[in-house]
Amino acid sequence: MAPRRKHDILNATLDLLAEKGYEGLTVEGVAERSGVNKTTIYRWWPSKAALLGAALVEARALDFEAPDTGSLRGDLHAVVEATARLLTTPPASDIAVAALGAAAGNPELAAAIQGFFADRYARELPIFERARARGEIGDEPDPMMIMDLLAGAVWLRVVFRGLPLDESFTGDAVSVVLGGVAAEPGSRRGD
């Protein structure tokens, strides 16, 4: 498939998802909006879920480049801010919420969404490789768990609670994940 045509199909998929949600997203609608036959789409993607999975990974609407600020704390801060922008700025916010909401009841879509998260994790992994090379962390911390904790905090606050994300939340979330919250044995908080 020509790159331009593929680009048009994937962008039409995300545009329609943002406008109509997953239930309103149809291969016929994508074909009409992108100016191709639906048979062309089915030749490359066997289902609506597969098409959406490809669009989430390959289209630029949810694109992500891992930051390199020179420190693990700075990189994680930048990732949290980027995640917050994604979840609060249309059309990316509409796309993310519609896709993940629909995945809860659709095993095929859930599998496609796992591909999206695997792609994002692969892009975030260099953050931890650089941090290890700088001696900021050892081999024990699980990068996926760290990213899940931070991204989960953003999702919960923005999508489910409808609360704003300000500079203090971003910094505090990174600090809690990197430093923990337990007091040192024998000490009391506030001493």
N, C-alpha and C. Protein backbone atom coordinates (compact mmCIF):
# COMPACT_ATOMS: atom_id res chain seq x y z
N MET A 1 0.85 -1.17 0.00
CA MET A 1 0.00 0.00 0.00
C MET A 1 0.90 1.24 0.00
N ALA A 2 0.51 2.22 -0.77
CA ALA A 2 1.26 3.47 -0.84
C ALA A 2 1.23 4.16 0.53
N PRO A 3 2.35 4.71 0.97
CA PRO A 3 2.39 5.35 2.29
C PRO A 3 1.34 6.43 2.48
N ARG A 4 1.09 7.23 1.46
CA ARG A 4 0.11 8.30 1.58
C ARG A 4 -1.30 7.74 1.81
N ARG A 5 -1.63 6.69 1.08
CA ARG A 5 -2.95 6.08 1.22
C ARG A 5 -3.10 5.48 2.62
N LYS A 6 -2.08 4.78 3.08
CA LYS A 6 -2.11 4.21 4.43
C LYS A 6 -2.29 5.30 5.47
N HIS A 7 -1.55 6.37 5.31
CA HIS A 7 -1.66 7.53 6.21
C HIS A 7 -3.10 8.05 6.24
N ASP A 8 -3.71 8.18 5.08
CA ASP A 8 -5.10 8.68 5.00
C ASP A 8 -6.07 7.74 5.71
N ILE A 9 -5.88 6.44 5.53
CA ILE A 9 -6.77 5.45 6.16
C ILE A 9 -6.62 5.49 7.68
N LEU A 10 -5.39 5.49 8.17
CA LEU A 10 -5.17 5.47 9.61
C LEU A 10 -5.66 6.76 10.27
N ASN A 11 -5.43 7.89 9.62
CA ASN A 11 -5.92 9.15 10.17
C ASN A 11 -7.44 9.23 10.14
N ALA A 12 -8.05 8.73 9.07
CA ALA A 12 -9.52 8.70 9.01
C ALA A 12 -10.08 7.83 10.13
N THR A 13 -9.40 6.74 10.43
CA THR A 13 -9.83 5.85 11.51
C THR A 13 -9.86 6.59 12.83
N LEU A 14 -8.79 7.30 13.14
CA LEU A 14 -8.73 8.02 14.41
C LEU A 14 -9.67 9.22 14.44
N ASP A 15 -9.83 9.88 13.32
CA ASP A 15 -10.78 11.00 13.27
C ASP A 15 -12.20 10.52 13.57
N LEU A 16 -12.59 9.43 12.94
CA LEU A 16 -13.94 8.90 13.16
C LEU A 16 -14.10 8.37 14.58
N LEU A 17 -13.07 7.76 15.13
CA LEU A 17 -13.12 7.29 16.51
C LEU A 17 -13.34 8.47 17.45
N ALA A 18 -12.61 9.56 17.24
CA ALA A 18 -12.75 10.74 18.09
C ALA A 18 -14.14 11.35 17.97
N GLU A 19 -14.70 11.34 16.77
CA GLU A 19 -16.01 11.94 16.53
C GLU A 19 -17.17 11.07 16.99
N LYS A 20 -17.07 9.74 16.74
CA LYS A 20 -18.24 8.88 16.92
C LYS A 20 -18.06 7.78 17.96
N GLY A 21 -16.86 7.65 18.53
CA GLY A 21 -16.62 6.57 19.46
C GLY A 21 -16.42 5.26 18.72
N TYR A 22 -16.09 4.22 19.46
CA TYR A 22 -15.80 2.93 18.83
C TYR A 22 -17.02 2.33 18.17
N GLU A 23 -18.17 2.45 18.81
CA GLU A 23 -19.39 1.88 18.21
C GLU A 23 -19.74 2.55 16.89
N GLY A 24 -19.44 3.85 16.77
CA GLY A 24 -19.75 4.58 15.54
C GLY A 24 -18.68 4.47 14.48
N LEU A 25 -17.54 3.91 14.84
CA LEU A 25 -16.46 3.71 13.88
C LEU A 25 -16.78 2.50 13.01
N THR A 26 -16.80 2.70 11.69
CA THR A 26 -17.05 1.59 10.77
C THR A 26 -15.99 1.60 9.67
N VAL A 27 -15.73 0.43 9.13
CA VAL A 27 -14.80 0.33 8.02
C VAL A 27 -15.36 1.11 6.82
N GLU A 28 -16.67 1.05 6.64
CA GLU A 28 -17.30 1.79 5.55
C GLU A 28 -17.07 3.29 5.71
N GLY A 29 -17.20 3.79 6.94
CA GLY A 29 -16.97 5.20 7.20
C GLY A 29 -15.53 5.60 6.95
N VAL A 30 -14.60 4.74 7.36
CA VAL A 30 -13.17 5.00 7.12
C VAL A 30 -12.90 5.01 5.62
N ALA A 31 -13.49 4.05 4.90
CA ALA A 31 -13.30 4.00 3.44
C ALA A 31 -13.80 5.28 2.79
N GLU A 32 -14.98 5.71 3.18
CA GLU A 32 -15.54 6.93 2.60
C GLU A 32 -14.67 8.15 2.91
N ARG A 33 -14.27 8.28 4.17
CA ARG A 33 -13.49 9.45 4.56
C ARG A 33 -12.11 9.46 3.93
N SER A 34 -11.52 8.29 3.76
CA SER A 34 -10.15 8.24 3.22
C SER A 34 -10.12 8.13 1.70
N GLY A 35 -11.28 7.91 1.08
CA GLY A 35 -11.34 7.85 -0.37
C GLY A 35 -10.85 6.54 -0.97
N VAL A 36 -10.98 5.45 -0.21
CA VAL A 36 -10.60 4.13 -0.73
C VAL A 36 -11.80 3.20 -0.64
N ASN A 37 -11.70 2.07 -1.30
CA ASN A 37 -12.74 1.06 -1.19
C ASN A 37 -12.56 0.29 0.11
N LYS A 38 -13.67 -0.16 0.68
CA LYS A 38 -13.56 -0.91 1.93
C LYS A 38 -12.82 -2.22 1.71
N THR A 39 -12.85 -2.76 0.49
CA THR A 39 -12.09 -3.98 0.23
C THR A 39 -10.59 -3.75 0.37
N THR A 40 -10.14 -2.55 0.05
CA THR A 40 -8.73 -2.20 0.24
C THR A 40 -8.38 -2.25 1.72
N ILE A 41 -9.25 -1.73 2.55
CA ILE A 41 -9.00 -1.74 3.99
C ILE A 41 -8.98 -3.17 4.51
N TYR A 42 -9.97 -3.96 4.11
CA TYR A 42 -10.03 -5.35 4.58
C TYR A 42 -8.86 -6.19 4.06
N ARG A 43 -8.27 -5.79 2.97
CA ARG A 43 -7.11 -6.52 2.44
C ARG A 43 -5.93 -6.39 3.41
N TRP A 44 -5.84 -5.25 4.09
CA TRP A 44 -4.70 -4.99 4.98
C TRP A 44 -5.04 -5.25 6.45
N TRP A 45 -6.28 -5.03 6.83
CA TRP A 45 -6.71 -5.21 8.22
C TRP A 45 -8.00 -6.03 8.22
N PRO A 46 -8.00 -7.18 8.89
CA PRO A 46 -9.15 -8.08 8.81
C PRO A 46 -10.37 -7.63 9.60
N SER A 47 -10.21 -6.61 10.45
CA SER A 47 -11.35 -6.19 11.28
C SER A 47 -11.18 -4.73 11.69
N LYS A 48 -12.24 -4.20 12.21
CA LYS A 48 -12.22 -2.84 12.73
C LYS A 48 -11.21 -2.72 13.87
N ALA A 49 -11.16 -3.72 14.74
CA ALA A 49 -10.22 -3.69 15.87
C ALA A 49 -8.77 -3.70 15.38
N ALA A 50 -8.47 -4.51 14.39
CA ALA A 50 -7.11 -4.56 13.84
C ALA A 50 -6.75 -3.22 13.19
N LEU A 51 -7.69 -2.64 12.48
CA LEU A 51 -7.47 -1.33 11.86
C LEU A 51 -7.19 -0.28 12.93
N LEU A 52 -7.98 -0.26 13.98
CA LEU A 52 -7.77 0.71 15.04
C LEU A 52 -6.44 0.47 15.74
N GLY A 53 -6.09 -0.78 15.97
CA GLY A 53 -4.80 -1.08 16.59
C GLY A 53 -3.64 -0.52 15.78
N ALA A 54 -3.69 -0.70 14.47
CA ALA A 54 -2.64 -0.16 13.61
C ALA A 54 -2.64 1.36 13.64
N ALA A 55 -3.81 1.95 13.63
CA ALA A 55 -3.90 3.42 13.65
C ALA A 55 -3.33 3.98 14.95
N LEU A 56 -3.61 3.33 16.07
CA LEU A 56 -3.10 3.83 17.35
C LEU A 56 -1.58 3.83 17.38
N VAL A 57 -0.96 2.79 16.81
CA VAL A 57 0.50 2.70 16.83
C VAL A 57 1.14 3.58 15.76
N GLU A 58 0.56 3.60 14.56
CA GLU A 58 1.26 4.21 13.43
C GLU A 58 0.88 5.65 13.10
N ALA A 59 -0.33 6.08 13.43
CA ALA A 59 -0.73 7.45 13.10
C ALA A 59 -0.07 8.42 14.09
N ARG A 60 0.06 9.63 13.70
CA ARG A 60 0.77 10.62 14.51
C ARG A 60 -0.05 11.23 15.65
N ALA A 61 -1.34 11.00 15.68
CA ALA A 61 -2.19 11.64 16.69
C ALA A 61 -1.76 11.29 18.10
N LEU A 62 -1.25 10.09 18.32
CA LEU A 62 -0.81 9.67 19.65
C LEU A 62 0.70 9.42 19.67
N ASP A 63 1.41 10.07 18.76
CA ASP A 63 2.84 9.85 18.63
C ASP A 63 3.58 10.24 19.90
N PHE A 64 4.67 9.58 20.15
CA PHE A 64 5.42 9.80 21.38
C PHE A 64 6.91 9.58 21.12
N GLU A 65 7.70 10.53 21.50
CA GLU A 65 9.15 10.38 21.48
C GLU A 65 9.63 10.42 22.91
N ALA A 66 10.44 9.46 23.28
CA ALA A 66 10.97 9.43 24.65
C ALA A 66 11.88 10.63 24.86
N PRO A 67 11.64 11.36 25.95
CA PRO A 67 12.48 12.52 26.22
C PRO A 67 13.88 12.11 26.67
N ASP A 68 14.82 13.00 26.53
CA ASP A 68 16.17 12.79 27.03
C ASP A 68 16.63 14.09 27.66
N THR A 69 16.26 14.28 28.92
CA THR A 69 16.58 15.52 29.64
C THR A 69 17.92 15.45 30.35
N GLY A 70 18.52 14.26 30.40
CA GLY A 70 19.78 14.09 31.09
C GLY A 70 19.63 13.49 32.48
N SER A 71 18.40 13.29 32.92
CA SER A 71 18.18 12.66 34.23
C SER A 71 16.90 11.83 34.19
N LEU A 72 16.87 10.79 35.01
CA LEU A 72 15.67 9.96 35.09
C LEU A 72 14.49 10.78 35.58
N ARG A 73 14.69 11.57 36.61
CA ARG A 73 13.61 12.39 37.15
C ARG A 73 13.07 13.34 36.07
N GLY A 74 13.94 13.99 35.35
CA GLY A 74 13.51 14.90 34.29
C GLY A 74 12.78 14.19 33.17
N ASP A 75 13.29 13.01 32.78
CA ASP A 75 12.63 12.24 31.72
C ASP A 75 11.24 11.80 32.15
N LEU A 76 11.11 11.29 33.39
CA LEU A 76 9.80 10.84 33.87
C LEU A 76 8.83 12.01 34.00
N HIS A 77 9.33 13.14 34.45
CA HIS A 77 8.50 14.35 34.54
C HIS A 77 7.96 14.70 33.15
N ALA A 78 8.83 14.65 32.14
CA ALA A 78 8.42 14.97 30.77
C ALA A 78 7.40 13.96 30.25
N VAL A 79 7.58 12.68 30.58
CA VAL A 79 6.62 11.66 30.14
C VAL A 79 5.26 11.88 30.78
N VAL A 80 5.24 12.20 32.07
CA VAL A 80 3.97 12.46 32.76
C VAL A 80 3.28 13.67 32.13
N GLU A 81 4.03 14.71 31.86
CA GLU A 81 3.43 15.89 31.22
C GLU A 81 2.89 15.57 29.83
N ALA A 82 3.64 14.78 29.05
CA ALA A 82 3.18 14.40 27.71
C ALA A 82 1.91 13.55 27.79
N THR A 83 1.86 12.65 28.76
CA THR A 83 0.67 11.82 28.95
C THR A 83 -0.52 12.69 29.33
N ALA A 84 -0.27 13.66 30.20
CA ALA A 84 -1.34 14.57 30.61
C ALA A 84 -1.86 15.37 29.42
N ARG A 85 -0.96 15.87 28.58
CA ARG A 85 -1.39 16.61 27.38
C ARG A 85 -2.22 15.72 26.47
N LEU A 86 -1.77 14.49 26.30
CA LEU A 86 -2.49 13.55 25.44
C LEU A 86 -3.90 13.33 25.96
N LEU A 87 -4.07 13.26 27.26
CA LEU A 87 -5.38 12.96 27.84
C LEU A 87 -6.26 14.18 28.06
N THR A 88 -5.73 15.35 27.80
CA THR A 88 -6.53 16.57 28.02
C THR A 88 -6.69 17.42 26.76
N THR A 89 -6.06 17.04 25.67
CA THR A 89 -6.09 17.86 24.46
C THR A 89 -6.75 17.09 23.32
N PRO A 90 -7.93 17.55 22.87
CA PRO A 90 -8.56 16.90 21.72
C PRO A 90 -7.72 17.12 20.46
N PRO A 91 -7.75 16.24 19.50
CA PRO A 91 -8.55 15.02 19.45
C PRO A 91 -7.88 13.83 20.15
N ALA A 92 -6.61 13.97 20.56
CA ALA A 92 -5.91 12.84 21.18
C ALA A 92 -6.66 12.32 22.40
N SER A 93 -7.19 13.23 23.21
CA SER A 93 -7.91 12.79 24.41
C SER A 93 -9.15 11.99 24.04
N ASP A 94 -9.87 12.42 23.02
CA ASP A 94 -11.06 11.69 22.58
C ASP A 94 -10.70 10.31 22.04
N ILE A 95 -9.61 10.25 21.31
CA ILE A 95 -9.15 8.98 20.74
C ILE A 95 -8.77 8.01 21.86
N ALA A 96 -7.94 8.47 22.79
CA ALA A 96 -7.45 7.59 23.87
C ALA A 96 -8.60 7.07 24.73
N VAL A 97 -9.48 7.96 25.12
CA VAL A 97 -10.58 7.56 26.00
C VAL A 97 -11.53 6.60 25.27
N ALA A 98 -11.86 6.89 24.02
CA ALA A 98 -12.77 6.02 23.27
C ALA A 98 -12.16 4.64 23.04
N ALA A 99 -10.90 4.60 22.66
CA ALA A 99 -10.25 3.31 22.38
C ALA A 99 -10.13 2.47 23.63
N LEU A 100 -9.65 3.07 24.70
CA LEU A 100 -9.46 2.28 25.92
C LEU A 100 -10.78 1.92 26.58
N GLY A 101 -11.76 2.77 26.48
CA GLY A 101 -13.07 2.45 27.02
C GLY A 101 -13.71 1.28 26.30
N ALA A 102 -13.58 1.26 24.98
CA ALA A 102 -14.17 0.18 24.19
C ALA A 102 -13.41 -1.13 24.38
N ALA A 103 -12.13 -1.05 24.68
CA ALA A 103 -11.32 -2.27 24.84
C ALA A 103 -11.78 -3.12 26.01
N ALA A 104 -12.39 -2.50 27.01
CA ALA A 104 -12.82 -3.24 28.19
C ALA A 104 -13.81 -4.35 27.85
N GLY A 105 -14.63 -4.16 26.85
CA GLY A 105 -15.63 -5.16 26.51
C GLY A 105 -15.38 -5.87 25.20
N ASN A 106 -14.18 -5.74 24.65
CA ASN A 106 -13.91 -6.29 23.33
C ASN A 106 -12.53 -6.95 23.33
N PRO A 107 -12.45 -8.26 23.44
CA PRO A 107 -11.15 -8.94 23.51
C PRO A 107 -10.25 -8.68 22.31
N GLU A 108 -10.83 -8.60 21.11
CA GLU A 108 -10.00 -8.34 19.93
C GLU A 108 -9.41 -6.94 19.99
N LEU A 109 -10.21 -5.97 20.39
CA LEU A 109 -9.70 -4.62 20.52
C LEU A 109 -8.69 -4.54 21.67
N ALA A 110 -8.95 -5.23 22.76
CA ALA A 110 -8.02 -5.24 23.89
C ALA A 110 -6.65 -5.75 23.43
N ALA A 111 -6.63 -6.77 22.58
CA ALA A 111 -5.37 -7.29 22.05
C ALA A 111 -4.67 -6.24 21.19
N ALA A 112 -5.44 -5.51 20.40
CA ALA A 112 -4.87 -4.45 19.57
C ALA A 112 -4.30 -3.33 20.44
N ILE A 113 -5.00 -3.00 21.52
CA ILE A 113 -4.55 -1.96 22.44
C ILE A 113 -3.25 -2.40 23.13
N GLN A 114 -3.13 -3.69 23.41
CA GLN A 114 -1.89 -4.19 24.01
C GLN A 114 -0.71 -3.92 23.08
N GLY A 115 -0.94 -4.00 21.77
CA GLY A 115 0.10 -3.65 20.81
C GLY A 115 0.51 -2.19 20.93
N PHE A 116 -0.48 -1.33 21.14
CA PHE A 116 -0.19 0.09 21.33
C PHE A 116 0.69 0.30 22.56
N PHE A 117 0.32 -0.34 23.68
CA PHE A 117 1.10 -0.18 24.91
C PHE A 117 2.48 -0.82 24.80
N ALA A 118 2.59 -1.92 24.10
CA ALA A 118 3.91 -2.53 23.88
C ALA A 118 4.81 -1.58 23.08
N ASP A 119 4.24 -0.92 22.09
CA ASP A 119 5.00 0.06 21.31
C ASP A 119 5.45 1.21 22.19
N ARG A 120 4.55 1.72 23.03
CA ARG A 120 4.92 2.84 23.90
C ARG A 120 5.98 2.43 24.92
N TYR A 121 5.85 1.23 25.47
CA TYR A 121 6.84 0.76 26.42
C TYR A 121 8.21 0.63 25.75
N ALA A 122 8.25 0.12 24.51
CA ALA A 122 9.52 0.02 23.79
C ALA A 122 10.14 1.40 23.58
N ARG A 123 9.31 2.41 23.39
CA ARG A 123 9.82 3.78 23.21
C ARG A 123 10.31 4.37 24.53
N GLU A 124 9.73 3.94 25.65
CA GLU A 124 10.11 4.47 26.97
C GLU A 124 11.31 3.76 27.57
N LEU A 125 11.59 2.55 27.16
CA LEU A 125 12.66 1.76 27.73
C LEU A 125 14.03 2.46 27.69
N PRO A 126 14.39 3.19 26.63
CA PRO A 126 15.68 3.88 26.64
C PRO A 126 15.86 4.86 27.81
N ILE A 127 14.76 5.39 28.33
CA ILE A 127 14.85 6.27 29.49
C ILE A 127 15.55 5.53 30.63
N PHE A 128 15.16 4.29 30.84
CA PHE A 128 15.71 3.50 31.94
C PHE A 128 17.10 2.97 31.63
N GLU A 129 17.34 2.66 30.37
CA GLU A 129 18.69 2.23 29.97
C GLU A 129 19.70 3.35 30.20
N ARG A 130 19.33 4.57 29.85
CA ARG A 130 20.22 5.71 30.09
C ARG A 130 20.41 5.96 31.58
N ALA A 131 19.32 5.83 32.35
CA ALA A 131 19.40 6.04 33.80
C ALA A 131 20.32 5.01 34.44
N ARG A 132 20.25 3.78 33.98
CA ARG A 132 21.15 2.74 34.51
C ARG A 132 22.59 3.06 34.14
N ALA A 133 22.82 3.49 32.91
CA ALA A 133 24.18 3.82 32.46
C ALA A 133 24.75 5.00 33.26
N ARG A 134 23.89 5.92 33.69
CA ARG A 134 24.34 7.07 34.49
C ARG A 134 24.47 6.72 35.98
N GLY A 135 24.02 5.52 36.36
CA GLY A 135 24.08 5.10 37.75
C GLY A 135 22.95 5.65 38.61
N GLU A 136 21.87 6.12 37.98
CA GLU A 136 20.74 6.66 38.74
C GLU A 136 19.86 5.57 39.33
N ILE A 137 19.82 4.42 38.69
CA ILE A 137 19.05 3.28 39.20
C ILE A 137 19.85 2.01 38.96
N GLY A 138 19.55 1.00 39.75
CA GLY A 138 20.16 -0.30 39.56
C GLY A 138 19.32 -1.15 38.63
N ASP A 139 19.57 -2.44 38.66
CA ASP A 139 18.85 -3.36 37.80
C ASP A 139 17.51 -3.78 38.38
N GLU A 140 17.28 -3.53 39.68
CA GLU A 140 16.08 -4.02 40.34
C GLU A 140 14.78 -3.35 39.91
N PRO A 141 14.74 -2.04 39.80
CA PRO A 141 13.44 -1.43 39.46
C PRO A 141 12.91 -1.92 38.11
N ASP A 142 11.63 -2.19 38.08
CA ASP A 142 10.96 -2.66 36.87
C ASP A 142 10.44 -1.44 36.10
N PRO A 143 11.04 -1.14 34.96
CA PRO A 143 10.61 0.04 34.19
C PRO A 143 9.12 0.03 33.84
N MET A 144 8.58 -1.14 33.52
CA MET A 144 7.17 -1.20 33.16
C MET A 144 6.29 -0.84 34.36
N MET A 145 6.67 -1.30 35.54
CA MET A 145 5.89 -0.96 36.73
C MET A 145 5.95 0.54 37.00
N ILE A 146 7.12 1.12 36.83
CA ILE A 146 7.26 2.57 37.05
C ILE A 146 6.36 3.33 36.08
N MET A 147 6.38 2.94 34.81
CA MET A 147 5.55 3.63 33.82
C MET A 147 4.07 3.39 34.08
N ASP A 148 3.71 2.17 34.51
CA ASP A 148 2.31 1.89 34.83
C ASP A 148 1.84 2.75 36.00
N LEU A 149 2.67 2.89 37.02
CA LEU A 149 2.29 3.71 38.18
C LEU A 149 2.09 5.18 37.78
N LEU A 150 3.01 5.70 36.99
CA LEU A 150 2.90 7.11 36.59
C LEU A 150 1.74 7.35 35.62
N ALA A 151 1.66 6.52 34.59
CA ALA A 151 0.57 6.70 33.62
C ALA A 151 -0.77 6.44 34.29
N GLY A 152 -0.82 5.45 35.17
CA GLY A 152 -2.07 5.16 35.89
C GLY A 152 -2.51 6.33 36.75
N ALA A 153 -1.55 7.00 37.37
CA ALA A 153 -1.89 8.17 38.18
C ALA A 153 -2.49 9.28 37.32
N VAL A 154 -1.92 9.47 36.14
CA VAL A 154 -2.44 10.50 35.24
C VAL A 154 -3.84 10.12 34.76
N TRP A 155 -4.02 8.87 34.32
CA TRP A 155 -5.33 8.42 33.85
C TRP A 155 -6.38 8.58 34.94
N LEU A 156 -6.08 8.13 36.13
CA LEU A 156 -7.05 8.20 37.22
C LEU A 156 -7.43 9.64 37.52
N ARG A 157 -6.43 10.50 37.62
CA ARG A 157 -6.70 11.89 37.97
C ARG A 157 -7.47 12.62 36.88
N VAL A 158 -7.03 12.48 35.64
CA VAL A 158 -7.60 13.27 34.54
C VAL A 158 -8.91 12.66 34.01
N VAL A 159 -8.89 11.38 33.69
CA VAL A 159 -10.03 10.76 33.02
C VAL A 159 -11.12 10.38 34.01
N PHE A 160 -10.76 9.74 35.09
CA PHE A 160 -11.78 9.22 35.99
C PHE A 160 -12.21 10.22 37.07
N ARG A 161 -11.28 11.01 37.56
CA ARG A 161 -11.65 11.99 38.58
C ARG A 161 -11.95 13.37 38.02
N GLY A 162 -11.50 13.65 36.80
CA GLY A 162 -11.75 14.95 36.18
C GLY A 162 -11.03 16.09 36.88
N LEU A 163 -9.90 15.80 37.49
CA LEU A 163 -9.13 16.83 38.20
C LEU A 163 -7.99 17.33 37.33
N PRO A 164 -7.57 18.56 37.57
CA PRO A 164 -6.48 19.11 36.75
C PRO A 164 -5.13 18.51 37.16
N LEU A 165 -4.23 18.55 36.23
CA LEU A 165 -2.85 18.15 36.50
C LEU A 165 -2.01 19.42 36.47
N ASP A 166 -1.47 19.77 37.60
CA ASP A 166 -0.62 20.94 37.63
C ASP A 166 0.83 20.51 37.84
N GLU A 167 1.71 21.46 37.84
CA GLU A 167 3.14 21.19 37.98
C GLU A 167 3.43 20.42 39.26
N SER A 168 2.74 20.74 40.35
CA SER A 168 3.03 20.05 41.61
C SER A 168 2.62 18.58 41.54
N PHE A 169 1.49 18.28 40.88
CA PHE A 169 1.09 16.88 40.78
C PHE A 169 2.14 16.08 40.01
N THR A 170 2.58 16.61 38.89
CA THR A 170 3.56 15.91 38.06
C THR A 170 4.83 15.64 38.85
N GLY A 171 5.36 16.66 39.50
CA GLY A 171 6.58 16.49 40.29
C GLY A 171 6.38 15.56 41.47
N ASP A 172 5.23 15.70 42.15
CA ASP A 172 4.95 14.84 43.30
C ASP A 172 4.80 13.38 42.88
N ALA A 173 4.12 13.12 41.78
CA ALA A 173 3.94 11.74 41.31
C ALA A 173 5.29 11.10 41.00
N VAL A 174 6.16 11.82 40.32
CA VAL A 174 7.49 11.30 40.01
C VAL A 174 8.28 11.07 41.29
N SER A 175 8.20 12.00 42.23
CA SER A 175 8.93 11.85 43.49
C SER A 175 8.46 10.65 44.29
N VAL A 176 7.14 10.46 44.36
CA VAL A 176 6.60 9.32 45.10
C VAL A 176 7.04 8.01 44.46
N VAL A 177 6.98 7.93 43.15
CA VAL A 177 7.36 6.69 42.49
C VAL A 177 8.86 6.43 42.64
N LEU A 178 9.67 7.46 42.52
CA LEU A 178 11.12 7.25 42.64
C LEU A 178 11.58 7.08 44.08
N GLY A 179 10.93 7.78 45.01
CA GLY A 179 11.41 7.74 46.39
C GLY A 179 10.56 6.95 47.35
N GLY A 180 9.35 6.64 46.95
CA GLY A 180 8.47 5.93 47.86
C GLY A 180 7.87 6.88 48.89
N VAL A 181 7.08 6.33 49.77
CA VAL A 181 6.41 7.16 50.78
C VAL A 181 6.67 6.67 52.20
N ALA A 182 7.31 5.54 52.36
CA ALA A 182 7.53 5.00 53.71
C ALA A 182 8.62 5.78 54.42
N ALA A 183 8.39 6.01 55.71
CA ALA A 183 9.40 6.66 56.54
C ALA A 183 10.54 5.69 56.80
N GLU A 184 11.72 6.22 56.99
CA GLU A 184 12.86 5.38 57.34
C GLU A 184 12.61 4.76 58.71
N PRO A 185 13.04 3.51 58.92
CA PRO A 185 12.86 2.89 60.24
C PRO A 185 13.47 3.75 61.35
N GLY A 186 12.70 3.94 62.42
CA GLY A 186 13.19 4.71 63.57
C GLY A 186 13.02 6.21 63.43
N SER A 187 12.50 6.68 62.29
CA SER A 187 12.29 8.13 62.14
C SER A 187 10.81 8.41 62.03
N ARG A 188 10.46 9.64 62.33
CA ARG A 188 9.07 10.06 62.16
C ARG A 188 9.02 11.14 61.11
N ARG A 189 7.96 11.16 60.33
CA ARG A 189 7.78 12.22 59.34
C ARG A 189 7.70 13.55 60.07
N GLY A 190 8.33 14.53 59.46
CA GLY A 190 8.28 15.87 60.03
C GLY A 190 9.44 16.17 60.97
N ASP A 191 10.27 15.17 61.31
CA ASP A 191 11.44 15.42 62.18
C ASP A 191 12.54 16.07 61.40
